[in-house]
Amino acid sequence: MLFYKQEGLCAYCRKFIRLSYWPPDRTRHDAATIEHLRRRADGGKDTFDNTCLVCRQCNVGRGVVDWLTYCSWIRKEF
């Protein structure tokens, strides 16, 4: 459902993401991963409105930065 809602694009960098169940595809930089907008470490919940699909590269790259700051930074909006 998230994949179609986001039109197959990463919520952060807006590049196409690969949705696949084949194990080797899960390690690709463009593999779809589920991301919590508000990190669970910061009290975020496992709810639909707190999750989105992002590419593996963005998921790993975000670290502890809040989602809005990271999104603006990755899109070069600063």
N, C-alpha and C. Protein backbone atom coordinates (compact mmCIF):
# COMPACT_ATOMS: atom_id res chain seq x y z
N MET A 1 0.82 -1.19 0.00
CA MET A 1 0.00 0.00 0.00
C MET A 1 0.87 1.27 0.00
N LEU A 2 1.92 1.30 0.83
CA LEU A 2 2.81 2.46 0.84
C LEU A 2 3.48 2.65 -0.52
N PHE A 3 3.86 1.55 -1.16
CA PHE A 3 4.53 1.62 -2.45
C PHE A 3 3.66 2.36 -3.47
N TYR A 4 2.37 2.03 -3.50
CA TYR A 4 1.46 2.67 -4.46
C TYR A 4 1.13 4.10 -4.04
N LYS A 5 1.00 4.32 -2.75
CA LYS A 5 0.72 5.66 -2.24
C LYS A 5 1.86 6.62 -2.60
N GLN A 6 3.08 6.13 -2.54
CA GLN A 6 4.26 6.95 -2.85
C GLN A 6 4.67 6.85 -4.30
N GLU A 7 3.88 6.18 -5.10
CA GLU A 7 4.11 6.01 -6.54
C GLU A 7 5.47 5.39 -6.84
N GLY A 8 5.92 4.49 -5.96
CA GLY A 8 7.17 3.77 -6.17
C GLY A 8 8.42 4.60 -5.94
N LEU A 9 8.27 5.74 -5.27
CA LEU A 9 9.40 6.63 -5.03
C LEU A 9 9.79 6.65 -3.56
N CYS A 10 11.07 6.83 -3.31
CA CYS A 10 11.58 6.99 -1.96
C CYS A 10 10.98 8.26 -1.36
N ALA A 11 10.53 8.20 -0.13
CA ALA A 11 9.92 9.35 0.52
C ALA A 11 10.92 10.48 0.75
N TYR A 12 12.20 10.18 0.78
CA TYR A 12 13.22 11.20 1.02
C TYR A 12 13.82 11.75 -0.27
N CYS A 13 14.49 10.91 -1.04
CA CYS A 13 15.22 11.40 -2.22
C CYS A 13 14.36 11.43 -3.48
N ARG A 14 13.18 10.82 -3.45
CA ARG A 14 12.22 10.79 -4.55
C ARG A 14 12.72 10.02 -5.77
N LYS A 15 13.67 9.12 -5.57
CA LYS A 15 14.12 8.24 -6.65
C LYS A 15 13.30 6.95 -6.58
N PHE A 16 13.24 6.23 -7.71
CA PHE A 16 12.50 4.97 -7.74
C PHE A 16 13.15 3.95 -6.82
N ILE A 17 12.30 3.20 -6.12
CA ILE A 17 12.79 2.15 -5.23
C ILE A 17 12.38 0.79 -5.77
N ARG A 18 13.17 -0.21 -5.42
CA ARG A 18 12.93 -1.57 -5.89
C ARG A 18 12.21 -2.35 -4.79
N LEU A 19 11.02 -2.81 -5.10
CA LEU A 19 10.24 -3.63 -4.18
C LEU A 19 10.38 -5.07 -4.62
N SER A 20 11.08 -5.88 -3.83
CA SER A 20 11.35 -7.25 -4.22
C SER A 20 11.46 -8.15 -3.00
N TYR A 21 11.05 -9.38 -3.16
CA TYR A 21 11.20 -10.38 -2.10
C TYR A 21 12.42 -11.26 -2.32
N TRP A 22 13.12 -11.08 -3.41
CA TRP A 22 14.29 -11.88 -3.73
C TRP A 22 15.45 -11.41 -2.85
N PRO A 23 16.01 -12.26 -2.01
CA PRO A 23 17.02 -11.84 -1.02
C PRO A 23 18.18 -11.00 -1.56
N PRO A 24 18.78 -11.31 -2.71
CA PRO A 24 19.88 -10.46 -3.18
C PRO A 24 19.46 -9.01 -3.47
N ASP A 25 18.20 -8.78 -3.81
CA ASP A 25 17.73 -7.42 -4.07
C ASP A 25 17.64 -6.57 -2.81
N ARG A 26 17.54 -7.22 -1.66
CA ARG A 26 17.38 -6.48 -0.41
C ARG A 26 18.64 -5.72 0.00
N THR A 27 19.77 -6.04 -0.59
CA THR A 27 21.02 -5.35 -0.25
C THR A 27 21.35 -4.23 -1.23
N ARG A 28 20.55 -4.05 -2.25
CA ARG A 28 20.79 -3.00 -3.24
C ARG A 28 20.55 -1.62 -2.61
N HIS A 29 21.21 -0.60 -3.13
CA HIS A 29 21.05 0.76 -2.61
C HIS A 29 19.63 1.29 -2.82
N ASP A 30 18.93 0.77 -3.84
CA ASP A 30 17.58 1.24 -4.13
C ASP A 30 16.48 0.30 -3.62
N ALA A 31 16.84 -0.62 -2.74
CA ALA A 31 15.86 -1.56 -2.18
C ALA A 31 14.90 -0.82 -1.25
N ALA A 32 13.63 -1.15 -1.33
CA ALA A 32 12.62 -0.53 -0.49
C ALA A 32 12.76 -1.01 0.95
N THR A 33 12.77 -0.07 1.89
CA THR A 33 12.80 -0.40 3.31
C THR A 33 11.73 0.44 4.00
N ILE A 34 11.22 -0.08 5.09
CA ILE A 34 10.22 0.66 5.86
C ILE A 34 10.95 1.56 6.85
N GLU A 35 10.57 2.81 6.88
CA GLU A 35 11.21 3.80 7.74
C GLU A 35 10.18 4.40 8.69
N HIS A 36 10.56 4.57 9.93
CA HIS A 36 9.72 5.28 10.90
C HIS A 36 10.05 6.76 10.80
N LEU A 37 9.07 7.59 10.56
CA LEU A 37 9.31 9.02 10.47
C LEU A 37 9.80 9.56 11.81
N ARG A 38 9.07 9.26 12.85
CA ARG A 38 9.55 9.55 14.21
C ARG A 38 10.15 8.25 14.72
N ARG A 39 11.45 8.26 14.92
CA ARG A 39 12.18 7.04 15.30
C ARG A 39 11.58 6.40 16.55
N ARG A 40 11.59 5.09 16.60
CA ARG A 40 11.11 4.38 17.78
C ARG A 40 11.93 4.76 19.00
N ALA A 41 13.22 5.03 18.81
CA ALA A 41 14.08 5.45 19.91
C ALA A 41 13.63 6.79 20.51
N ASP A 42 12.92 7.58 19.71
CA ASP A 42 12.41 8.87 20.17
C ASP A 42 10.93 8.81 20.55
N GLY A 43 10.40 7.62 20.69
CA GLY A 43 9.00 7.45 21.10
C GLY A 43 8.03 7.22 19.96
N GLY A 44 8.52 7.05 18.72
CA GLY A 44 7.65 6.80 17.58
C GLY A 44 6.99 5.43 17.67
N LYS A 45 5.83 5.31 17.11
CA LYS A 45 5.07 4.06 17.16
C LYS A 45 5.12 3.33 15.83
N ASP A 46 4.71 2.06 15.85
CA ASP A 46 4.63 1.24 14.64
C ASP A 46 3.26 1.40 14.00
N THR A 47 2.90 2.62 13.67
CA THR A 47 1.60 2.88 13.06
C THR A 47 1.78 3.28 11.61
N PHE A 48 0.71 3.12 10.83
CA PHE A 48 0.75 3.42 9.40
C PHE A 48 1.15 4.87 9.13
N ASP A 49 0.64 5.79 9.95
CA ASP A 49 0.93 7.20 9.71
C ASP A 49 2.33 7.62 10.16
N ASN A 50 3.08 6.70 10.79
CA ASN A 50 4.45 6.99 11.20
C ASN A 50 5.47 6.24 10.34
N THR A 51 5.01 5.59 9.28
CA THR A 51 5.93 4.83 8.43
C THR A 51 5.85 5.29 6.98
N CYS A 52 6.93 5.05 6.27
CA CYS A 52 6.98 5.32 4.85
C CYS A 52 8.02 4.38 4.25
N LEU A 53 8.06 4.32 2.93
CA LEU A 53 9.08 3.52 2.25
C LEU A 53 10.19 4.44 1.77
N VAL A 54 11.40 4.02 2.06
CA VAL A 54 12.58 4.76 1.60
C VAL A 54 13.57 3.78 1.01
N CYS A 55 14.48 4.28 0.20
CA CYS A 55 15.51 3.40 -0.34
C CYS A 55 16.50 3.06 0.78
N ARG A 56 17.18 1.96 0.60
CA ARG A 56 18.12 1.50 1.62
C ARG A 56 19.19 2.56 1.90
N GLN A 57 19.64 3.24 0.87
CA GLN A 57 20.68 4.26 1.01
C GLN A 57 20.21 5.39 1.94
N CYS A 58 18.98 5.86 1.79
CA CYS A 58 18.45 6.91 2.65
C CYS A 58 18.20 6.39 4.07
N ASN A 59 17.74 5.16 4.18
CA ASN A 59 17.47 4.59 5.49
C ASN A 59 18.75 4.52 6.31
N VAL A 60 19.83 4.09 5.69
CA VAL A 60 21.12 3.99 6.38
C VAL A 60 21.70 5.39 6.62
N GLY A 61 21.53 6.29 5.65
CA GLY A 61 22.12 7.61 5.73
C GLY A 61 21.48 8.55 6.72
N ARG A 62 20.23 8.34 7.07
CA ARG A 62 19.52 9.26 7.95
C ARG A 62 20.11 9.31 9.34
N GLY A 63 20.46 8.17 9.89
CA GLY A 63 21.03 8.13 11.24
C GLY A 63 20.07 8.66 12.28
N VAL A 64 20.52 9.62 13.10
CA VAL A 64 19.70 10.16 14.18
C VAL A 64 19.04 11.48 13.82
N VAL A 65 19.20 11.93 12.59
CA VAL A 65 18.61 13.20 12.14
C VAL A 65 17.10 13.03 12.00
N ASP A 66 16.34 14.07 12.37
CA ASP A 66 14.88 13.96 12.20
C ASP A 66 14.54 13.90 10.72
N TRP A 67 13.40 13.32 10.39
CA TRP A 67 13.06 13.00 9.01
C TRP A 67 12.92 14.26 8.14
N LEU A 68 12.38 15.32 8.67
CA LEU A 68 12.17 16.51 7.86
C LEU A 68 13.50 17.19 7.50
N THR A 69 14.40 17.26 8.44
CA THR A 69 15.72 17.83 8.17
C THR A 69 16.46 16.98 7.15
N TYR A 70 16.43 15.65 7.34
CA TYR A 70 17.11 14.77 6.40
C TYR A 70 16.50 14.87 5.00
N CYS A 71 15.20 14.92 4.93
CA CYS A 71 14.51 15.03 3.64
C CYS A 71 14.94 16.31 2.91
N SER A 72 14.96 17.41 3.62
CA SER A 72 15.38 18.69 3.02
C SER A 72 16.85 18.65 2.60
N TRP A 73 17.69 18.03 3.42
CA TRP A 73 19.11 17.95 3.11
C TRP A 73 19.37 17.08 1.89
N ILE A 74 18.73 15.91 1.81
CA ILE A 74 18.96 14.97 0.70
C ILE A 74 18.43 15.54 -0.61
N ARG A 75 17.41 16.37 -0.55
CA ARG A 75 16.86 17.00 -1.76
C ARG A 75 17.55 18.32 -2.09
N LYS A 76 18.57 18.67 -1.31
CA LYS A 76 19.35 19.90 -1.50
C LYS A 76 18.47 21.15 -1.43
N GLU A 77 17.57 21.19 -0.45
CA GLU A 77 16.68 22.34 -0.27
C GLU A 77 17.28 23.37 0.68
N PHE A 78 18.42 23.05 1.30
CA PHE A 78 19.07 24.01 2.20
C PHE A 78 19.88 24.99 1.41
